[in-house]
Amino acid sequence: MKNLVIIGAGGFGREMFAAAREAVGYGTEFTVAGFLDDNPYALDCFESYPPILASLADYVIRENDVFITALGSVSTRKKCVEAIEARGGRFISVVHRTATVGPNVEIGEGSFLAPNTTLTADVKVGRHSCVFHNSSVGHDSILGDFTHVYAQCAIGGAVVMEEGSVVYPGSVVTPRRKIGAWSVVGALSAVFTDVPAGVTVFGNPALTIKD
């Protein structure tokens, strides 16, 4: 049995704990050992959670440990992954049992599928990426490493999200669009054209608001 350690004990971390207990493999392949967080008091106002084991820097990795990040910032997520991997740590994916995963879907290590997500067919999800509650990803789409699709988004067929790109809640990305690396689609936006790397777009139609 593996011991899952959640990196981040904030709101996302608490959501990850709830999802992990209802994920494929919980209780048979892994259980949750606790959290890593630089704030040792992050859970003081909350009940029924496992402990904060240590800070990221101070934690001593054990033989049966596996990890998952629960951090909203994709750049911070990448730094934490690199720090753990440099010390020999291994990551697993957390897939909620209500997620619909179609044929030939590939999910990279360290990625998260939240409750009621849908990946239809021939979708590729990279490493350490997240698809949140009630979002759908259409056929032949590619989500690169460290991408983040927030809740209630619709990602059309054959969309490419490059590394570190983020789509905020309630947004729609139409088919065959490319979301460039480390770019951001603001909440409730509709994307009809490709989004260049490193920009923020917002609105319907989504237009660049920050380079």
C-alpha atoms as a PDB file:
ATOM      1  CA  MET A   1       0.000   0.000   0.000  1.00  0.00           C
ATOM      2  CA  LYS A   2       1.356   3.398  -1.018  1.00  0.00           C
ATOM      3  CA  ASN A   3       1.176   6.451   1.223  1.00  0.00           C
ATOM      4  CA  LEU A   4      -0.133   9.452  -0.717  1.00  0.00           C
ATOM      5  CA  VAL A   5       1.318  12.773   0.393  1.00  0.00           C
ATOM      6  CA  ILE A   6      -0.569  15.861  -0.805  1.00  0.00           C
ATOM      7  CA  ILE A   7       1.612  18.889  -1.504  1.00  0.00           C
ATOM      8  CA  GLY A   8      -0.398  21.893  -0.351  1.00  0.00           C
ATOM      9  CA  ALA A   9      -2.832  22.069   2.581  1.00  0.00           C
ATOM     10  CA  GLY A  10      -4.908  25.015   1.382  1.00  0.00           C
ATOM     11  CA  GLY A  11      -8.341  24.878  -0.197  1.00  0.00           C
ATOM     12  CA  PHE A  12      -7.152  22.854  -3.177  1.00  0.00           C
ATOM     13  CA  GLY A  13      -5.365  20.474  -0.824  1.00  0.00           C
ATOM     14  CA  ARG A  14      -8.532  19.875   1.145  1.00  0.00           C
ATOM     15  CA  GLU A  15     -10.442  19.274  -2.080  1.00  0.00           C
ATOM     16  CA  MET A  16      -7.728  16.847  -3.181  1.00  0.00           C
ATOM     17  CA  PHE A  17      -8.045  14.924   0.072  1.00  0.00           C
ATOM     18  CA  ALA A  18     -11.795  14.593  -0.409  1.00  0.00           C
ATOM     19  CA  ALA A  19     -11.359  13.467  -4.012  1.00  0.00           C
ATOM     20  CA  ALA A  20      -8.532  11.064  -3.214  1.00  0.00           C
ATOM     21  CA  ARG A  21     -10.740   9.179  -0.754  1.00  0.00           C
ATOM     22  CA  GLU A  22     -13.201   8.598  -3.605  1.00  0.00           C
ATOM     23  CA  ALA A  23     -10.597   7.963  -6.290  1.00  0.00           C
ATOM     24  CA  VAL A  24      -9.817   4.846  -8.254  1.00  0.00           C
ATOM     25  CA  GLY A  25      -7.396   2.759  -6.181  1.00  0.00           C
ATOM     26  CA  TYR A  26      -8.068   4.339  -2.786  1.00  0.00           C
ATOM     27  CA  GLY A  27      -7.885   1.719  -0.042  1.00  0.00           C
ATOM     28  CA  THR A  28      -6.446  -0.920  -2.370  1.00  0.00           C
ATOM     29  CA  GLU A  29      -3.441   0.814  -3.922  1.00  0.00           C
ATOM     30  CA  PHE A  30      -2.945   3.861  -1.717  1.00  0.00           C
ATOM     31  CA  THR A  31      -4.158   5.712   1.335  1.00  0.00           C
ATOM     32  CA  VAL A  32      -3.609   9.352   2.321  1.00  0.00           C
ATOM     33  CA  ALA A  33      -0.773   9.939   4.786  1.00  0.00           C
ATOM     34  CA  GLY A  34      -1.047  13.711   5.095  1.00  0.00           C
ATOM     35  CA  PHE A  35       0.061  17.030   3.670  1.00  0.00           C
ATOM     36  CA  LEU A  36       3.214  19.010   3.033  1.00  0.00           C
ATOM     37  CA  ASP A  37       2.904  22.755   3.568  1.00  0.00           C
ATOM     38  CA  ASP A  38       5.250  25.558   4.572  1.00  0.00           C
ATOM     39  CA  ASN A  39       2.504  26.856   6.892  1.00  0.00           C
ATOM     40  CA  PRO A  40       2.240  24.378   9.781  1.00  0.00           C
ATOM     41  CA  TYR A  41      -1.032  25.997  10.909  1.00  0.00           C
ATOM     42  CA  ALA A  42      -2.864  25.749   7.576  1.00  0.00           C
ATOM     43  CA  LEU A  43      -5.357  23.176   8.908  1.00  0.00           C
ATOM     44  CA  ASP A  44      -5.847  24.583  12.407  1.00  0.00           C
ATOM     45  CA  CYS A  45      -9.384  25.819  11.689  1.00  0.00           C
ATOM     46  CA  PHE A  46     -10.475  22.571  10.038  1.00  0.00           C
ATOM     47  CA  GLU A  47     -11.415  19.149  11.371  1.00  0.00           C
ATOM     48  CA  SER A  48     -11.084  15.548  10.162  1.00  0.00           C
ATOM     49  CA  TYR A  49      -8.018  16.001   7.979  1.00  0.00           C
ATOM     50  CA  PRO A  50      -4.756  14.069   8.204  1.00  0.00           C
ATOM     51  CA  PRO A  51      -1.778  15.997   9.589  1.00  0.00           C
ATOM     52  CA  ILE A  52       0.661  18.372   7.982  1.00  0.00           C
ATOM     53  CA  LEU A  53       3.735  16.153   7.993  1.00  0.00           C
ATOM     54  CA  ALA A  54       6.381  18.817   7.338  1.00  0.00           C
ATOM     55  CA  SER A  55       7.343  21.577   4.974  1.00  0.00           C
ATOM     56  CA  LEU A  56       8.300  20.617   1.444  1.00  0.00           C
ATOM     57  CA  ALA A  57      11.987  21.260   2.130  1.00  0.00           C
ATOM     58  CA  ASP A  58      12.095  19.406   5.452  1.00  0.00           C
ATOM     59  CA  TYR A  59      10.155  16.273   4.560  1.00  0.00           C
ATOM     60  CA  VAL A  60      12.143  13.031   4.464  1.00  0.00           C
ATOM     61  CA  ILE A  61      10.766  10.830   1.687  1.00  0.00           C
ATOM     62  CA  ARG A  62       9.909   7.295   2.781  1.00  0.00           C
ATOM     63  CA  GLU A  63      10.009   4.112   0.753  1.00  0.00           C
ATOM     64  CA  ASN A  64       6.252   3.779   0.139  1.00  0.00           C
ATOM     65  CA  ASP A  65       5.539   7.468  -0.393  1.00  0.00           C
ATOM     66  CA  VAL A  66       3.878   8.789  -3.529  1.00  0.00           C
ATOM     67  CA  PHE A  67       2.913  12.407  -4.139  1.00  0.00           C
ATOM     68  CA  ILE A  68       0.282  14.630  -5.759  1.00  0.00           C
ATOM     69  CA  THR A  69       0.335  18.428  -5.945  1.00  0.00           C
ATOM     70  CA  ALA A  70      -2.658  20.525  -4.909  1.00  0.00           C
ATOM     71  CA  LEU A  71      -1.507  24.001  -5.848  1.00  0.00           C
ATOM     72  CA  GLY A  72      -3.422  26.505  -7.938  1.00  0.00           C
ATOM     73  CA  SER A  73      -0.314  28.238  -9.292  1.00  0.00           C
ATOM     74  CA  VAL A  74       1.044  26.172 -12.167  1.00  0.00           C
ATOM     75  CA  SER A  75       4.509  27.704 -11.841  1.00  0.00           C
ATOM     76  CA  THR A  76       4.651  26.869  -8.122  1.00  0.00           C
ATOM     77  CA  ARG A  77       3.398  23.380  -8.904  1.00  0.00           C
ATOM     78  CA  LYS A  78       6.263  22.851 -11.327  1.00  0.00           C
ATOM     79  CA  LYS A  79       8.860  24.024  -8.795  1.00  0.00           C
ATOM     80  CA  CYS A  80       7.485  21.680  -6.124  1.00  0.00           C
ATOM     81  CA  VAL A  81       7.444  18.728  -8.519  1.00  0.00           C
ATOM     82  CA  GLU A  82      11.040  19.375  -9.492  1.00  0.00           C
ATOM     83  CA  ALA A  83      12.076  19.595  -5.825  1.00  0.00           C
ATOM     84  CA  ILE A  84      10.460  16.257  -4.957  1.00  0.00           C
ATOM     85  CA  GLU A  85      11.703  14.481  -8.079  1.00  0.00           C
ATOM     86  CA  ALA A  86      15.247  15.704  -7.412  1.00  0.00           C
ATOM     87  CA  ARG A  87      15.081  13.797  -4.101  1.00  0.00           C
ATOM     88  CA  GLY A  88      13.775  10.626  -5.730  1.00  0.00           C
ATOM     89  CA  GLY A  89      10.064  11.105  -5.015  1.00  0.00           C
ATOM     90  CA  ARG A  90       7.409   9.593  -7.283  1.00  0.00           C
ATOM     91  CA  PHE A  91       4.003  10.955  -8.267  1.00  0.00           C
ATOM     92  CA  ILE A  92       0.699   9.212  -9.006  1.00  0.00           C
ATOM     93  CA  SER A  93      -2.464  10.421 -10.690  1.00  0.00           C
ATOM     94  CA  VAL A  94      -5.697  10.846  -8.770  1.00  0.00           C
ATOM     95  CA  VAL A  95      -8.785  10.016 -10.854  1.00  0.00           C
ATOM     96  CA  HIS A  96     -12.158  10.389  -9.149  1.00  0.00           C
ATOM     97  CA  ARG A  97     -14.417   7.394  -9.626  1.00  0.00           C
ATOM     98  CA  THR A  98     -17.136   9.568 -11.215  1.00  0.00           C
ATOM     99  CA  ALA A  99     -14.803  10.757 -13.979  1.00  0.00           C
ATOM    100  CA  THR A 100     -15.702   9.501 -17.449  1.00  0.00           C
ATOM    101  CA  VAL A 101     -12.557   8.353 -19.243  1.00  0.00           C
ATOM    102  CA  GLY A 102     -13.089   7.306 -22.855  1.00  0.00           C
ATOM    103  CA  PRO A 103     -11.115   4.957 -25.092  1.00  0.00           C
ATOM    104  CA  ASN A 104      -7.420   5.554 -25.679  1.00  0.00           C
ATOM    105  CA  VAL A 105      -7.227   8.331 -23.109  1.00  0.00           C
ATOM    106  CA  GLU A 106      -3.737   8.801 -21.652  1.00  0.00           C
ATOM    107  CA  ILE A 107      -3.232  10.432 -18.251  1.00  0.00           C
ATOM    108  CA  GLY A 108       0.263  11.439 -17.178  1.00  0.00           C
ATOM    109  CA  GLU A 109       1.656  10.904 -13.701  1.00  0.00           C
ATOM    110  CA  GLY A 110       0.738  13.438 -11.066  1.00  0.00           C
ATOM    111  CA  SER A 111      -2.417  14.560 -12.856  1.00  0.00           C
ATOM    112  CA  PHE A 112      -5.873  14.998 -11.330  1.00  0.00           C
ATOM    113  CA  LEU A 113      -9.363  14.349 -12.680  1.00  0.00           C
ATOM    114  CA  ALA A 114     -11.969  15.814 -10.344  1.00  0.00           C
ATOM    115  CA  PRO A 115     -15.540  14.556  -9.828  1.00  0.00           C
ATOM    116  CA  ASN A 116     -17.807  14.469 -12.887  1.00  0.00           C
ATOM    117  CA  THR A 117     -15.136  15.314 -15.437  1.00  0.00           C
ATOM    118  CA  THR A 118     -15.343  13.881 -18.955  1.00  0.00           C
ATOM    119  CA  LEU A 119     -12.473  13.020 -21.295  1.00  0.00           C
ATOM    120  CA  THR A 120     -14.209  11.648 -24.342  1.00  0.00           C
ATOM    121  CA  ALA A 121     -11.865   9.727 -26.678  1.00  0.00           C
ATOM    122  CA  ASP A 122      -8.191   9.740 -27.648  1.00  0.00           C
ATOM    123  CA  VAL A 123      -7.373  12.570 -25.250  1.00  0.00           C
ATOM    124  CA  LYS A 124      -3.816  12.948 -23.965  1.00  0.00           C
ATOM    125  CA  VAL A 125      -3.232  14.573 -20.595  1.00  0.00           C
ATOM    126  CA  GLY A 126       0.363  15.363 -19.700  1.00  0.00           C
ATOM    127  CA  ARG A 127       2.112  15.237 -16.342  1.00  0.00           C
ATOM    128  CA  HIS A 128       0.859  17.198 -13.330  1.00  0.00           C
ATOM    129  CA  SER A 129      -2.217  18.591 -15.035  1.00  0.00           C
ATOM    130  CA  CYS A 130      -5.677  19.131 -13.581  1.00  0.00           C
ATOM    131  CA  VAL A 131      -9.214  18.937 -14.957  1.00  0.00           C
ATOM    132  CA  PHE A 132     -11.695  20.218 -12.407  1.00  0.00           C
ATOM    133  CA  HIS A 133     -15.318  19.501 -11.524  1.00  0.00           C
ATOM    134  CA  ASN A 134     -17.867  19.153 -14.326  1.00  0.00           C
ATOM    135  CA  SER A 135     -15.444  20.064 -17.109  1.00  0.00           C
ATOM    136  CA  SER A 136     -15.241  18.196 -20.407  1.00  0.00           C
ATOM    137  CA  VAL A 137     -12.375  17.665 -22.839  1.00  0.00           C
ATOM    138  CA  GLY A 138     -13.257  16.653 -26.399  1.00  0.00           C
ATOM    139  CA  HIS A 139     -11.783  14.004 -28.648  1.00  0.00           C
ATOM    140  CA  ASP A 140      -8.156  14.191 -29.794  1.00  0.00           C
ATOM    141  CA  SER A 141      -7.306  17.057 -27.478  1.00  0.00           C
ATOM    142  CA  ILE A 142      -3.848  17.334 -25.947  1.00  0.00           C
ATOM    143  CA  LEU A 143      -3.319  18.876 -22.527  1.00  0.00           C
ATOM    144  CA  GLY A 144       0.382  19.483 -21.974  1.00  0.00           C
ATOM    145  CA  ASP A 145       2.300  19.197 -18.721  1.00  0.00           C
ATOM    146  CA  PHE A 146       1.248  21.479 -15.850  1.00  0.00           C
ATOM    147  CA  THR A 147      -1.971  22.602 -17.531  1.00  0.00           C
ATOM    148  CA  HIS A 148      -5.063  23.474 -15.512  1.00  0.00           C
ATOM    149  CA  VAL A 149      -8.704  23.361 -16.629  1.00  0.00           C
ATOM    150  CA  TYR A 150     -10.908  24.810 -13.921  1.00  0.00           C
ATOM    151  CA  ALA A 151     -14.520  23.851 -13.142  1.00  0.00           C
ATOM    152  CA  GLN A 152     -17.373  23.856 -15.659  1.00  0.00           C
ATOM    153  CA  CYS A 153     -15.238  24.386 -18.755  1.00  0.00           C
ATOM    154  CA  ALA A 154     -15.853  22.918 -22.207  1.00  0.00           C
ATOM    155  CA  ILE A 155     -12.707  22.132 -24.168  1.00  0.00           C
ATOM    156  CA  GLY A 156     -13.634  21.257 -27.750  1.00  0.00           C
ATOM    157  CA  GLY A 157     -12.241  18.467 -29.877  1.00  0.00           C
ATOM    158  CA  ALA A 158      -8.630  18.574 -31.100  1.00  0.00           C
ATOM    159  CA  VAL A 159      -7.681  21.467 -28.830  1.00  0.00           C
ATOM    160  CA  VAL A 160      -4.029  21.758 -27.831  1.00  0.00           C
ATOM    161  CA  MET A 161      -3.185  23.283 -24.460  1.00  0.00           C
ATOM    162  CA  GLU A 162       0.549  23.810 -24.262  1.00  0.00           C
ATOM    163  CA  GLU A 163       2.607  23.511 -21.071  1.00  0.00           C
ATOM    164  CA  GLY A 164       1.472  25.642 -18.146  1.00  0.00           C
ATOM    165  CA  SER A 165      -1.636  27.051 -19.815  1.00  0.00           C
ATOM    166  CA  VAL A 166      -4.727  27.690 -17.688  1.00  0.00           C
ATOM    167  CA  VAL A 167      -8.440  27.919 -18.531  1.00  0.00           C
ATOM    168  CA  TYR A 168     -10.506  29.499 -15.760  1.00  0.00           C
ATOM    169  CA  PRO A 169     -14.056  28.464 -14.709  1.00  0.00           C
ATOM    170  CA  GLY A 170     -16.973  28.542 -17.102  1.00  0.00           C
ATOM    171  CA  SER A 171     -14.935  29.059 -20.255  1.00  0.00           C
ATOM    172  CA  VAL A 172     -15.385  27.483 -23.686  1.00  0.00           C
ATOM    173  CA  VAL A 173     -12.564  26.687 -26.080  1.00  0.00           C
ATOM    174  CA  THR A 174     -13.852  25.892 -29.560  1.00  0.00           C
ATOM    175  CA  PRO A 175     -12.488  22.920 -31.525  1.00  0.00           C
ATOM    176  CA  ARG A 176      -9.004  22.882 -33.071  1.00  0.00           C
ATOM    177  CA  ARG A 177      -7.737  25.886 -31.138  1.00  0.00           C
ATOM    178  CA  LYS A 178      -4.264  26.137 -29.572  1.00  0.00           C
ATOM    179  CA  ILE A 179      -3.755  27.662 -26.132  1.00  0.00           C
ATOM    180  CA  GLY A 180      -0.119  28.741 -25.990  1.00  0.00           C
ATOM    181  CA  ALA A 181       2.352  27.849 -23.261  1.00  0.00           C
ATOM    182  CA  TRP A 182       1.879  29.644 -19.915  1.00  0.00           C
ATOM    183  CA  SER A 183      -1.106  31.610 -21.217  1.00  0.00           C
ATOM    184  CA  VAL A 184      -4.341  32.226 -19.297  1.00  0.00           C
ATOM    185  CA  VAL A 185      -7.978  32.153 -20.432  1.00  0.00           C
ATOM    186  CA  GLY A 186     -10.049  34.227 -18.012  1.00  0.00           C
ATOM    187  CA  ALA A 187     -13.293  33.034 -16.447  1.00  0.00           C
ATOM    188  CA  LEU A 188     -16.455  32.868 -18.581  1.00  0.00           C
ATOM    189  CA  SER A 189     -14.522  33.422 -21.807  1.00  0.00           C
ATOM    190  CA  ALA A 190     -15.166  32.014 -25.268  1.00  0.00           C
ATOM    191  CA  VAL A 191     -12.066  31.221 -27.307  1.00  0.00           C
ATOM    192  CA  PHE A 192     -12.574  31.239 -31.083  1.00  0.00           C
ATOM    193  CA  THR A 193      -8.963  31.789 -32.211  1.00  0.00           C
ATOM    194  CA  ASP A 194      -5.560  30.514 -31.135  1.00  0.00           C
ATOM    195  CA  VAL A 195      -4.118  32.090 -27.986  1.00  0.00           C
ATOM    196  CA  PRO A 196      -0.436  33.070 -28.190  1.00  0.00           C
ATOM    197  CA  ALA A 197       2.027  31.897 -25.570  1.00  0.00           C
ATOM    198  CA  GLY A 198       2.352  33.900 -22.369  1.00  0.00           C
ATOM    199  CA  VAL A 199      -0.715  36.141 -22.693  1.00  0.00           C
ATOM    200  CA  THR A 200      -3.990  36.521 -20.801  1.00  0.00           C
ATOM    201  CA  VAL A 201      -7.257  36.617 -22.750  1.00  0.00           C
ATOM    202  CA  PHE A 202     -10.742  37.367 -21.520  1.00  0.00           C
ATOM    203  CA  GLY A 203     -14.262  37.887 -22.816  1.00  0.00           C
ATOM    204  CA  ASN A 204     -16.590  36.687 -25.570  1.00  0.00           C
ATOM    205  CA  PRO A 205     -14.843  36.615 -27.939  1.00  0.00           C
ATOM    206  CA  ALA A 206     -11.689  36.264 -25.845  1.00  0.00           C
ATOM    207  CA  LEU A 207      -9.217  39.087 -26.482  1.00  0.00           C
ATOM    208  CA  THR A 208      -5.750  39.738 -25.095  1.00  0.00           C
ATOM    209  CA  ILE A 209      -5.719  41.891 -21.971  1.00  0.00           C
ATOM    210  CA  LYS A 210      -2.108  41.436 -20.857  1.00  0.00           C
ATOM    211  CA  ASP A 211       1.125  40.509 -22.625  1.00  0.00           C
END
